[in-house]
Amino acid sequence: MIIPKTLEECKSQEEAVLYHLSHFATGLTQDDANELYGIQRLGARIYNLRELGYEIITIRETGKNRFGHTTPFGRYFLKRRSE
């Protein structure tokens, strides 16, 4: 799978995740994926991409949920390949 250059080129959720990870330095969280791309199971998409050979790094963070409780979550980043 080739990384799409524009969002319009994305034909699958995996391609949308690859597009985001390659174009935005902020990474991608489940909330971001749901809000921006309608992806409800980001972990499954990340799993599929890793199975295809993409090196995706998970950074564990904590934040407040809608009830004000502290909760852990992952932020995903695409490992840059050295040219």
C-alpha atoms as a PDB file:
ATOM      1  CA  MET A   1       0.000   0.000   0.000  1.00  0.00           C
ATOM      2  CA  ILE A   2       1.372   3.376  -1.031  1.00  0.00           C
ATOM      3  CA  ILE A   3       0.888   6.393   1.234  1.00  0.00           C
ATOM      4  CA  PRO A   4      -1.729   8.686  -0.359  1.00  0.00           C
ATOM      5  CA  LYS A   5      -0.621  12.242  -1.174  1.00  0.00           C
ATOM      6  CA  THR A   6      -4.098  13.734  -0.637  1.00  0.00           C
ATOM      7  CA  LEU A   7      -7.096  12.802   1.473  1.00  0.00           C
ATOM      8  CA  GLU A   8      -9.173  12.477  -1.708  1.00  0.00           C
ATOM      9  CA  GLU A   9      -6.938   9.584  -2.824  1.00  0.00           C
ATOM     10  CA  CYS A  10      -7.827   7.518   0.270  1.00  0.00           C
ATOM     11  CA  LYS A  11     -10.092   4.610  -0.591  1.00  0.00           C
ATOM     12  CA  SER A  12      -9.892   2.768   2.738  1.00  0.00           C
ATOM     13  CA  GLN A  13      -9.601   3.535   6.425  1.00  0.00           C
ATOM     14  CA  GLU A  14      -6.035   2.210   6.416  1.00  0.00           C
ATOM     15  CA  GLU A  15      -5.131   4.684   3.673  1.00  0.00           C
ATOM     16  CA  ALA A  16      -6.729   7.535   5.651  1.00  0.00           C
ATOM     17  CA  VAL A  17      -4.644   6.568   8.701  1.00  0.00           C
ATOM     18  CA  LEU A  18      -1.462   6.415   6.593  1.00  0.00           C
ATOM     19  CA  TYR A  19      -2.292   9.793   5.066  1.00  0.00           C
ATOM     20  CA  HIS A  20      -2.740  11.365   8.490  1.00  0.00           C
ATOM     21  CA  LEU A  21       0.362   9.804  10.022  1.00  0.00           C
ATOM     22  CA  SER A  22       2.534  10.913   7.108  1.00  0.00           C
ATOM     23  CA  HIS A  23       1.192  14.482   6.888  1.00  0.00           C
ATOM     24  CA  PHE A  24       0.611  15.554  10.503  1.00  0.00           C
ATOM     25  CA  ALA A  25       3.364  15.582  13.134  1.00  0.00           C
ATOM     26  CA  THR A  26       0.832  15.517  15.987  1.00  0.00           C
ATOM     27  CA  GLY A  27       0.134  11.803  15.564  1.00  0.00           C
ATOM     28  CA  LEU A  28      -3.317  10.233  15.670  1.00  0.00           C
ATOM     29  CA  THR A  29      -5.532   9.237  18.596  1.00  0.00           C
ATOM     30  CA  GLN A  30      -8.799   7.295  18.595  1.00  0.00           C
ATOM     31  CA  ASP A  31     -10.732  10.529  19.182  1.00  0.00           C
ATOM     32  CA  ASP A  32      -8.961  12.193  16.227  1.00  0.00           C
ATOM     33  CA  ALA A  33      -9.603   9.203  13.958  1.00  0.00           C
ATOM     34  CA  ASN A  34     -13.291   9.123  14.858  1.00  0.00           C
ATOM     35  CA  GLU A  35     -13.817  12.866  14.461  1.00  0.00           C
ATOM     36  CA  LEU A  36     -11.761  13.373  11.287  1.00  0.00           C
ATOM     37  CA  TYR A  37     -12.280  10.119   9.372  1.00  0.00           C
ATOM     38  CA  GLY A  38     -15.164   8.262  11.033  1.00  0.00           C
ATOM     39  CA  ILE A  39     -12.821   5.471  12.137  1.00  0.00           C
ATOM     40  CA  GLN A  40     -14.207   3.776  15.229  1.00  0.00           C
ATOM     41  CA  ARG A  41     -11.611   1.012  15.615  1.00  0.00           C
ATOM     42  CA  LEU A  42      -8.268   2.731  15.108  1.00  0.00           C
ATOM     43  CA  GLY A  43      -6.391  -0.052  16.888  1.00  0.00           C
ATOM     44  CA  ALA A  44      -7.587  -2.549  14.279  1.00  0.00           C
ATOM     45  CA  ARG A  45      -6.454  -0.277  11.430  1.00  0.00           C
ATOM     46  CA  ILE A  46      -3.039   0.155  13.110  1.00  0.00           C
ATOM     47  CA  TYR A  47      -2.779  -3.634  13.482  1.00  0.00           C
ATOM     48  CA  ASN A  48      -3.516  -4.123   9.767  1.00  0.00           C
ATOM     49  CA  LEU A  49      -0.907  -1.530   8.767  1.00  0.00           C
ATOM     50  CA  ARG A  50       1.718  -3.143  11.003  1.00  0.00           C
ATOM     51  CA  GLU A  51       0.938  -6.496   9.378  1.00  0.00           C
ATOM     52  CA  LEU A  52       1.673  -4.833   6.015  1.00  0.00           C
ATOM     53  CA  GLY A  53       5.102  -3.795   7.287  1.00  0.00           C
ATOM     54  CA  TYR A  54       4.568  -0.189   8.363  1.00  0.00           C
ATOM     55  CA  GLU A  55       6.438   0.739  11.518  1.00  0.00           C
ATOM     56  CA  ILE A  56       3.977   2.575  13.723  1.00  0.00           C
ATOM     57  CA  ILE A  57       5.023   3.792  17.145  1.00  0.00           C
ATOM     58  CA  THR A  58       2.585   4.031  20.049  1.00  0.00           C
ATOM     59  CA  ILE A  59       3.116   6.717  22.676  1.00  0.00           C
ATOM     60  CA  ARG A  60       1.071   6.164  25.828  1.00  0.00           C
ATOM     61  CA  GLU A  61      -0.522   9.308  27.273  1.00  0.00           C
ATOM     62  CA  THR A  62      -3.136  10.142  29.875  1.00  0.00           C
ATOM     63  CA  GLY A  63      -5.956  12.641  29.719  1.00  0.00           C
ATOM     64  CA  LYS A  64      -9.392  13.371  31.126  1.00  0.00           C
ATOM     65  CA  ASN A  65     -12.425  11.606  29.731  1.00  0.00           C
ATOM     66  CA  ARG A  66     -15.862  13.222  29.434  1.00  0.00           C
ATOM     67  CA  PHE A  67     -16.570  12.371  33.068  1.00  0.00           C
ATOM     68  CA  GLY A  68     -13.399  14.076  34.290  1.00  0.00           C
ATOM     69  CA  HIS A  69     -11.613  10.827  35.115  1.00  0.00           C
ATOM     70  CA  THR A  70      -7.962  10.344  34.178  1.00  0.00           C
ATOM     71  CA  THR A  71      -7.652   7.663  31.515  1.00  0.00           C
ATOM     72  CA  PRO A  72      -4.804   6.266  29.382  1.00  0.00           C
ATOM     73  CA  PHE A  73      -4.823   6.391  25.585  1.00  0.00           C
ATOM     74  CA  GLY A  74      -2.409   5.856  22.715  1.00  0.00           C
ATOM     75  CA  ARG A  75      -1.121   8.351  20.173  1.00  0.00           C
ATOM     76  CA  TYR A  76       0.224   6.747  17.007  1.00  0.00           C
ATOM     77  CA  PHE A  77       3.112   7.952  14.840  1.00  0.00           C
ATOM     78  CA  LEU A  78       4.584   6.593  11.616  1.00  0.00           C
ATOM     79  CA  LYS A  79       8.280   5.848  11.968  1.00  0.00           C
ATOM     80  CA  ARG A  80      10.132   7.783   9.304  1.00  0.00           C
ATOM     81  CA  ARG A  81      12.291   5.734   6.998  1.00  0.00           C
ATOM     82  CA  SER A  82      15.776   7.076   6.452  1.00  0.00           C
ATOM     83  CA  GLU A  83      16.341   7.951   2.817  1.00  0.00           C
END
